[in-house]
N, C-alpha and C. Protein backbone atom coordinates (compact mmCIF):
# COMPACT_ATOMS: atom_id res chain seq x y z
N MET A 1 -130.85 68.60 -80.21
CA MET A 1 -130.13 67.71 -81.09
C MET A 1 -129.07 66.99 -80.29
N ALA A 2 -129.01 65.70 -80.43
CA ALA A 2 -128.02 64.91 -79.73
C ALA A 2 -126.65 65.18 -80.31
N LEU A 3 -125.66 65.09 -79.45
CA LEU A 3 -124.29 65.32 -79.90
C LEU A 3 -123.87 64.29 -80.94
N TYR A 4 -124.46 63.10 -80.86
CA TYR A 4 -124.13 62.05 -81.82
C TYR A 4 -124.61 62.40 -83.23
N SER A 5 -125.63 63.23 -83.36
CA SER A 5 -126.14 63.62 -84.67
C SER A 5 -125.12 64.43 -85.46
N ILE A 6 -124.23 65.09 -84.74
CA ILE A 6 -123.20 65.88 -85.41
C ILE A 6 -122.37 65.00 -86.33
N PHE A 7 -122.10 63.78 -85.89
CA PHE A 7 -121.30 62.87 -86.71
C PHE A 7 -122.03 62.52 -88.01
N ASP A 8 -123.34 62.31 -87.94
CA ASP A 8 -124.12 62.01 -89.15
C ASP A 8 -124.16 63.21 -90.09
N ILE A 9 -124.37 64.38 -89.53
CA ILE A 9 -124.48 65.59 -90.35
C ILE A 9 -123.15 65.91 -91.02
N ALA A 10 -122.09 65.93 -90.24
CA ALA A 10 -120.77 66.23 -90.81
C ALA A 10 -120.34 65.12 -91.77
N GLY A 11 -120.71 63.88 -91.46
CA GLY A 11 -120.39 62.77 -92.37
C GLY A 11 -121.07 62.91 -93.71
N SER A 12 -122.32 63.37 -93.71
CA SER A 12 -123.02 63.58 -94.98
C SER A 12 -122.36 64.70 -95.77
N ALA A 13 -121.87 65.72 -95.07
CA ALA A 13 -121.17 66.81 -95.74
C ALA A 13 -119.84 66.33 -96.32
N LEU A 14 -119.13 65.48 -95.60
CA LEU A 14 -117.87 64.92 -96.12
C LEU A 14 -118.12 64.10 -97.38
N THR A 15 -119.17 63.32 -97.37
CA THR A 15 -119.52 62.52 -98.55
C THR A 15 -119.84 63.42 -99.73
N ALA A 16 -120.62 64.47 -99.49
CA ALA A 16 -121.00 65.40 -100.56
C ALA A 16 -119.77 66.11 -101.13
N GLN A 17 -118.87 66.54 -100.26
CA GLN A 17 -117.67 67.24 -100.74
C GLN A 17 -116.73 66.28 -101.46
N SER A 18 -116.73 65.02 -101.08
CA SER A 18 -115.92 64.02 -101.81
C SER A 18 -116.43 63.86 -103.23
N VAL A 19 -117.75 63.82 -103.38
CA VAL A 19 -118.34 63.74 -104.72
C VAL A 19 -117.97 64.98 -105.52
N ARG A 20 -118.03 66.13 -104.87
CA ARG A 20 -117.67 67.39 -105.54
C ARG A 20 -116.22 67.36 -106.01
N LEU A 21 -115.30 66.89 -105.15
CA LEU A 21 -113.89 66.81 -105.53
C LEU A 21 -113.67 65.81 -106.66
N ASN A 22 -114.38 64.68 -106.63
CA ASN A 22 -114.26 63.70 -107.71
C ASN A 22 -114.77 64.26 -109.03
N THR A 23 -115.84 65.05 -108.97
CA THR A 23 -116.38 65.66 -110.18
C THR A 23 -115.40 66.67 -110.76
N VAL A 24 -114.79 67.46 -109.90
CA VAL A 24 -113.77 68.43 -110.35
C VAL A 24 -112.61 67.69 -110.99
N ALA A 25 -112.17 66.60 -110.37
CA ALA A 25 -111.06 65.82 -110.92
C ALA A 25 -111.41 65.28 -112.30
N SER A 26 -112.63 64.80 -112.46
CA SER A 26 -113.08 64.31 -113.76
C SER A 26 -113.10 65.42 -114.80
N ASN A 27 -113.61 66.59 -114.39
CA ASN A 27 -113.65 67.72 -115.31
C ASN A 27 -112.25 68.14 -115.74
N LEU A 28 -111.32 68.21 -114.79
CA LEU A 28 -109.96 68.61 -115.13
C LEU A 28 -109.28 67.58 -116.01
N ALA A 29 -109.56 66.31 -115.77
CA ALA A 29 -108.97 65.25 -116.59
C ALA A 29 -109.45 65.32 -118.04
N ASN A 30 -110.65 65.83 -118.24
CA ASN A 30 -111.22 65.88 -119.58
C ASN A 30 -111.23 67.28 -120.17
N ALA A 31 -110.51 68.20 -119.57
CA ALA A 31 -110.53 69.60 -120.02
C ALA A 31 -109.99 69.78 -121.43
N ASN A 32 -109.08 68.93 -121.87
CA ASN A 32 -108.48 69.08 -123.19
C ASN A 32 -109.02 68.08 -124.21
N ASP A 33 -110.12 67.43 -123.91
CA ASP A 33 -110.70 66.48 -124.85
C ASP A 33 -111.23 67.20 -126.08
N VAL A 34 -111.11 66.53 -127.22
CA VAL A 34 -111.66 67.06 -128.47
C VAL A 34 -112.52 65.98 -129.12
N SER A 35 -113.42 66.44 -129.99
CA SER A 35 -114.30 65.53 -130.68
C SER A 35 -114.61 66.11 -132.06
N SER A 36 -115.11 65.27 -132.93
CA SER A 36 -115.48 65.71 -134.28
C SER A 36 -116.90 66.27 -134.32
N ASP A 37 -117.55 66.27 -133.17
CA ASP A 37 -118.96 66.66 -133.14
C ASP A 37 -119.24 67.36 -131.81
N ALA A 38 -119.93 68.49 -131.85
CA ALA A 38 -120.19 69.29 -130.66
C ALA A 38 -121.08 68.55 -129.65
N LYS A 39 -121.88 67.63 -130.11
CA LYS A 39 -122.79 66.92 -129.20
C LYS A 39 -122.10 65.80 -128.42
N SER A 40 -121.01 65.28 -128.95
CA SER A 40 -120.36 64.15 -128.29
C SER A 40 -119.14 64.55 -127.45
N VAL A 41 -118.77 65.82 -127.47
CA VAL A 41 -117.61 66.26 -126.70
C VAL A 41 -117.95 66.28 -125.21
N TYR A 42 -116.94 66.11 -124.38
CA TYR A 42 -117.14 66.10 -122.92
C TYR A 42 -117.68 67.45 -122.47
N ARG A 43 -118.67 67.41 -121.58
CA ARG A 43 -119.25 68.63 -120.99
C ARG A 43 -118.96 68.62 -119.50
N ALA A 44 -118.64 69.80 -118.98
CA ALA A 44 -118.35 69.92 -117.54
C ALA A 44 -119.55 69.45 -116.73
N ARG A 45 -119.26 68.83 -115.62
CA ARG A 45 -120.31 68.32 -114.72
C ARG A 45 -120.15 68.97 -113.35
N GLN A 46 -121.28 69.09 -112.67
CA GLN A 46 -121.26 69.66 -111.32
C GLN A 46 -122.33 68.99 -110.48
N PRO A 47 -121.97 68.61 -109.24
CA PRO A 47 -122.99 68.00 -108.38
C PRO A 47 -123.98 69.05 -107.89
N VAL A 48 -125.22 68.62 -107.72
CA VAL A 48 -126.27 69.47 -107.15
C VAL A 48 -126.60 68.88 -105.79
N PHE A 49 -126.43 69.69 -104.76
CA PHE A 49 -126.68 69.24 -103.39
C PHE A 49 -128.12 69.54 -103.00
N LYS A 50 -128.62 68.72 -102.10
CA LYS A 50 -129.97 68.92 -101.58
C LYS A 50 -129.92 68.74 -100.06
N ALA A 51 -130.50 69.70 -99.36
CA ALA A 51 -130.54 69.61 -97.90
C ALA A 51 -131.53 68.54 -97.49
N GLN A 52 -131.20 67.82 -96.45
CA GLN A 52 -132.11 66.84 -95.87
C GLN A 52 -132.66 67.44 -94.59
N LEU A 53 -133.85 67.94 -94.66
CA LEU A 53 -134.48 68.56 -93.51
C LEU A 53 -135.78 67.84 -93.17
N GLN A 54 -135.71 66.53 -93.03
CA GLN A 54 -136.91 65.75 -92.79
C GLN A 54 -137.40 65.85 -91.35
N GLY A 55 -136.54 66.26 -90.44
CA GLY A 55 -136.93 66.40 -89.05
C GLY A 55 -136.56 67.78 -88.55
N ALA A 56 -137.21 68.23 -87.52
CA ALA A 56 -136.87 69.51 -86.93
C ALA A 56 -135.48 69.41 -86.31
N LEU A 57 -134.78 70.51 -86.22
CA LEU A 57 -133.41 70.50 -85.72
C LEU A 57 -133.30 69.98 -84.29
N TRP A 58 -134.29 70.21 -83.48
CA TRP A 58 -134.18 69.82 -82.08
C TRP A 58 -135.07 68.62 -81.75
N SER A 59 -135.51 67.89 -82.75
CA SER A 59 -136.38 66.74 -82.50
C SER A 59 -135.56 65.45 -82.48
N GLU A 60 -136.25 64.36 -82.29
CA GLU A 60 -135.58 63.05 -82.30
C GLU A 60 -135.13 62.67 -83.70
N ASN A 61 -135.68 63.31 -84.73
CA ASN A 61 -135.33 63.00 -86.11
C ASN A 61 -134.16 63.83 -86.61
N ALA A 62 -133.45 64.46 -85.71
CA ALA A 62 -132.37 65.37 -86.11
C ALA A 62 -131.26 64.64 -86.87
N SER A 63 -131.13 63.34 -86.68
CA SER A 63 -130.07 62.62 -87.39
C SER A 63 -130.34 62.57 -88.89
N ARG A 64 -131.53 62.92 -89.32
CA ARG A 64 -131.85 62.93 -90.74
C ARG A 64 -131.51 64.26 -91.39
N VAL A 65 -131.02 65.20 -90.60
CA VAL A 65 -130.62 66.49 -91.14
C VAL A 65 -129.23 66.34 -91.71
N GLY A 66 -128.97 66.94 -92.83
CA GLY A 66 -127.66 66.87 -93.45
C GLY A 66 -127.76 67.32 -94.89
N VAL A 67 -126.90 66.77 -95.71
CA VAL A 67 -126.87 67.12 -97.13
C VAL A 67 -126.63 65.84 -97.91
N ARG A 68 -127.16 65.82 -99.11
CA ARG A 68 -126.89 64.68 -100.00
C ARG A 68 -126.75 65.21 -101.42
N VAL A 69 -126.14 64.40 -102.26
CA VAL A 69 -126.00 64.77 -103.67
C VAL A 69 -127.29 64.36 -104.36
N ASP A 70 -127.99 65.33 -104.91
CA ASP A 70 -129.26 65.08 -105.58
C ASP A 70 -129.03 64.50 -106.97
N ARG A 71 -128.08 65.09 -107.70
CA ARG A 71 -127.77 64.63 -109.06
C ARG A 71 -126.47 65.27 -109.52
N ILE A 72 -125.93 64.76 -110.60
CA ILE A 72 -124.77 65.36 -111.26
C ILE A 72 -125.31 65.99 -112.54
N GLN A 73 -125.09 67.29 -112.68
CA GLN A 73 -125.67 68.05 -113.78
C GLN A 73 -124.59 68.44 -114.79
N GLU A 74 -124.90 68.28 -116.07
CA GLU A 74 -123.98 68.70 -117.12
C GLU A 74 -124.18 70.17 -117.43
N SER A 75 -123.09 70.83 -117.77
CA SER A 75 -123.13 72.24 -118.12
C SER A 75 -123.81 72.43 -119.48
N ASN A 76 -124.55 73.53 -119.59
CA ASN A 76 -125.20 73.88 -120.86
C ASN A 76 -124.36 74.82 -121.71
N ALA A 77 -123.18 75.18 -121.23
CA ALA A 77 -122.31 76.09 -121.98
C ALA A 77 -121.92 75.43 -123.31
N PRO A 78 -121.78 76.23 -124.34
CA PRO A 78 -121.44 75.65 -125.64
C PRO A 78 -120.02 75.10 -125.66
N ALA A 79 -119.82 74.10 -126.47
CA ALA A 79 -118.48 73.53 -126.65
C ALA A 79 -117.63 74.51 -127.46
N GLY A 80 -116.32 74.43 -127.23
CA GLY A 80 -115.41 75.28 -128.00
C GLY A 80 -115.24 74.72 -129.41
N GLN A 81 -114.74 75.55 -130.28
CA GLN A 81 -114.54 75.13 -131.67
C GLN A 81 -113.20 75.69 -132.15
N ARG A 82 -112.36 74.81 -132.73
CA ARG A 82 -111.05 75.22 -133.25
C ARG A 82 -110.90 74.72 -134.68
N TYR A 83 -110.27 75.55 -135.47
CA TYR A 83 -109.99 75.17 -136.86
C TYR A 83 -108.67 74.42 -136.90
N GLU A 84 -108.74 73.10 -137.14
CA GLU A 84 -107.57 72.23 -137.24
C GLU A 84 -107.80 71.23 -138.36
N PRO A 85 -107.63 71.65 -139.59
CA PRO A 85 -107.94 70.75 -140.71
C PRO A 85 -107.07 69.49 -140.77
N GLY A 86 -105.88 69.52 -140.15
CA GLY A 86 -105.01 68.36 -140.15
C GLY A 86 -105.32 67.35 -139.06
N ASN A 87 -106.19 67.69 -138.16
CA ASN A 87 -106.53 66.80 -137.05
C ASN A 87 -107.42 65.67 -137.57
N PRO A 88 -107.11 64.42 -137.21
CA PRO A 88 -107.93 63.30 -137.68
C PRO A 88 -109.38 63.36 -137.19
N LEU A 89 -109.64 64.11 -136.13
CA LEU A 89 -111.00 64.23 -135.61
C LEU A 89 -111.76 65.40 -136.22
N ALA A 90 -111.12 66.14 -137.11
CA ALA A 90 -111.77 67.32 -137.69
C ALA A 90 -112.97 66.91 -138.54
N ASP A 91 -114.01 67.77 -138.50
CA ASP A 91 -115.19 67.51 -139.32
C ASP A 91 -114.90 67.91 -140.77
N LYS A 92 -115.88 67.85 -141.64
CA LYS A 92 -115.66 68.12 -143.07
C LYS A 92 -115.21 69.56 -143.33
N ASP A 93 -115.49 70.47 -142.38
CA ASP A 93 -115.07 71.87 -142.53
C ASP A 93 -113.72 72.14 -141.87
N GLY A 94 -113.13 71.13 -141.23
CA GLY A 94 -111.82 71.27 -140.61
C GLY A 94 -111.86 71.69 -139.15
N TYR A 95 -113.00 71.62 -138.51
CA TYR A 95 -113.13 72.04 -137.12
C TYR A 95 -113.16 70.85 -136.17
N VAL A 96 -112.54 71.03 -135.01
CA VAL A 96 -112.68 70.09 -133.90
C VAL A 96 -113.39 70.83 -132.78
N TYR A 97 -114.09 70.09 -131.96
CA TYR A 97 -114.87 70.68 -130.87
C TYR A 97 -114.22 70.31 -129.54
N THR A 98 -114.07 71.29 -128.70
CA THR A 98 -113.38 71.10 -127.43
C THR A 98 -114.35 71.14 -126.26
N SER A 99 -113.91 70.57 -125.18
CA SER A 99 -114.71 70.53 -123.95
C SER A 99 -115.02 71.95 -123.47
N ASN A 100 -116.14 72.10 -122.78
CA ASN A 100 -116.51 73.41 -122.23
C ASN A 100 -116.03 73.59 -120.79
N VAL A 101 -115.07 72.80 -120.37
CA VAL A 101 -114.53 72.89 -119.01
C VAL A 101 -113.68 74.14 -118.89
N ASN A 102 -114.00 74.97 -117.90
CA ASN A 102 -113.21 76.16 -117.59
C ASN A 102 -112.26 75.78 -116.45
N VAL A 103 -110.98 75.66 -116.77
CA VAL A 103 -110.00 75.16 -115.80
C VAL A 103 -109.90 76.09 -114.58
N ILE A 104 -109.99 77.39 -114.78
CA ILE A 104 -109.90 78.33 -113.66
C ILE A 104 -111.07 78.14 -112.70
N GLU A 105 -112.28 78.01 -113.25
CA GLU A 105 -113.46 77.77 -112.39
C GLU A 105 -113.32 76.45 -111.64
N GLN A 106 -112.79 75.44 -112.31
CA GLN A 106 -112.63 74.14 -111.68
C GLN A 106 -111.61 74.19 -110.54
N MET A 107 -110.54 74.93 -110.73
CA MET A 107 -109.54 75.06 -109.67
C MET A 107 -110.13 75.80 -108.47
N ALA A 108 -110.92 76.85 -108.71
CA ALA A 108 -111.56 77.57 -107.62
C ALA A 108 -112.56 76.65 -106.90
N ASP A 109 -113.30 75.85 -107.65
CA ASP A 109 -114.24 74.91 -107.06
C ASP A 109 -113.51 73.85 -106.24
N MET A 110 -112.35 73.42 -106.72
CA MET A 110 -111.55 72.43 -106.00
C MET A 110 -111.09 73.00 -104.66
N ILE A 111 -110.63 74.24 -104.65
CA ILE A 111 -110.18 74.87 -103.41
C ILE A 111 -111.35 75.01 -102.43
N SER A 112 -112.50 75.43 -102.95
CA SER A 112 -113.69 75.58 -102.11
C SER A 112 -114.12 74.24 -101.51
N ALA A 113 -114.15 73.20 -102.32
CA ALA A 113 -114.54 71.87 -101.84
C ALA A 113 -113.54 71.35 -100.81
N SER A 114 -112.27 71.58 -101.05
CA SER A 114 -111.23 71.15 -100.13
C SER A 114 -111.38 71.84 -98.77
N ARG A 115 -111.66 73.13 -98.79
CA ARG A 115 -111.84 73.87 -97.54
C ARG A 115 -113.12 73.43 -96.81
N SER A 116 -114.17 73.19 -97.55
CA SER A 116 -115.40 72.71 -96.93
C SER A 116 -115.18 71.34 -96.29
N TYR A 117 -114.45 70.49 -96.98
CA TYR A 117 -114.14 69.17 -96.44
C TYR A 117 -113.35 69.31 -95.13
N GLN A 118 -112.33 70.17 -95.15
CA GLN A 118 -111.51 70.37 -93.96
C GLN A 118 -112.33 70.95 -92.81
N ASN A 119 -113.24 71.87 -93.10
CA ASN A 119 -114.10 72.43 -92.06
C ASN A 119 -114.94 71.36 -91.40
N ASN A 120 -115.45 70.42 -92.17
CA ASN A 120 -116.26 69.35 -91.61
C ASN A 120 -115.42 68.35 -90.82
N VAL A 121 -114.17 68.16 -91.23
CA VAL A 121 -113.26 67.34 -90.43
C VAL A 121 -113.03 68.02 -89.08
N ASN A 122 -112.90 69.35 -89.08
CA ASN A 122 -112.72 70.09 -87.83
C ASN A 122 -113.96 69.97 -86.94
N VAL A 123 -115.13 69.97 -87.54
CA VAL A 123 -116.37 69.77 -86.77
C VAL A 123 -116.34 68.41 -86.09
N LEU A 124 -115.97 67.38 -86.84
CA LEU A 124 -115.91 66.03 -86.26
C LEU A 124 -114.88 65.94 -85.14
N THR A 125 -113.74 66.56 -85.33
CA THR A 125 -112.69 66.56 -84.31
C THR A 125 -113.17 67.26 -83.04
N THR A 126 -113.83 68.40 -83.21
CA THR A 126 -114.35 69.14 -82.06
C THR A 126 -115.43 68.34 -81.33
N ALA A 127 -116.33 67.72 -82.08
CA ALA A 127 -117.39 66.91 -81.47
C ALA A 127 -116.78 65.74 -80.70
N GLN A 128 -115.75 65.14 -81.25
CA GLN A 128 -115.09 64.03 -80.56
C GLN A 128 -114.48 64.51 -79.24
N LYS A 129 -113.83 65.67 -79.26
CA LYS A 129 -113.24 66.22 -78.04
C LYS A 129 -114.32 66.53 -77.00
N LEU A 130 -115.46 67.08 -77.46
CA LEU A 130 -116.54 67.38 -76.54
C LEU A 130 -117.09 66.11 -75.89
N LEU A 131 -117.26 65.06 -76.68
CA LEU A 131 -117.73 63.80 -76.11
C LEU A 131 -116.73 63.24 -75.11
N ARG A 132 -115.46 63.31 -75.44
CA ARG A 132 -114.43 62.82 -74.53
C ARG A 132 -114.45 63.62 -73.22
N ASN A 133 -114.58 64.94 -73.34
CA ASN A 133 -114.65 65.79 -72.13
C ASN A 133 -115.90 65.49 -71.30
N THR A 134 -116.99 65.21 -71.98
CA THR A 134 -118.23 64.86 -71.27
C THR A 134 -118.06 63.57 -70.49
N LEU A 135 -117.39 62.60 -71.07
CA LEU A 135 -117.14 61.33 -70.39
C LEU A 135 -116.19 61.51 -69.19
N GLN A 136 -115.32 62.50 -69.26
CA GLN A 136 -114.38 62.77 -68.17
C GLN A 136 -115.05 63.42 -66.97
N LEU A 137 -116.27 63.95 -67.15
CA LEU A 137 -116.96 64.63 -66.05
C LEU A 137 -117.21 63.69 -64.88
N GLY A 138 -117.44 62.44 -65.14
CA GLY A 138 -117.75 61.49 -64.10
C GLY A 138 -116.55 61.05 -63.27
N LYS A 139 -115.37 61.40 -63.67
CA LYS A 139 -114.17 60.94 -62.94
C LYS A 139 -113.86 61.84 -61.78
């Protein structure tokens, strides 16, 4: 694998983790949303990653190795339900439906995505130093 492929691979990981962080931010922003109907309330979303292994690791196609976001998937967890007869969004029985976003899970996912992003930045920094050192060999 060429040293230059590291930039493509780590770059694809940075892009994937950015999508993951944006999804977490969206989930947290909508964690307190309510609706008059369980089907229309906000549902937590999570990116699904897919490995790109179109070439062998040590072949000329190694630059195609990496990760990409395959899709953004909605959670199947049921929406919450609260009895609030005074709420303007309440249904005929006095219930409002709340988002199924679990704030604790989202915070843990945010920390994990942040650390993964930082690890890939460290990979890029190390690869850059290695290339610079390789260029210094000729001096």
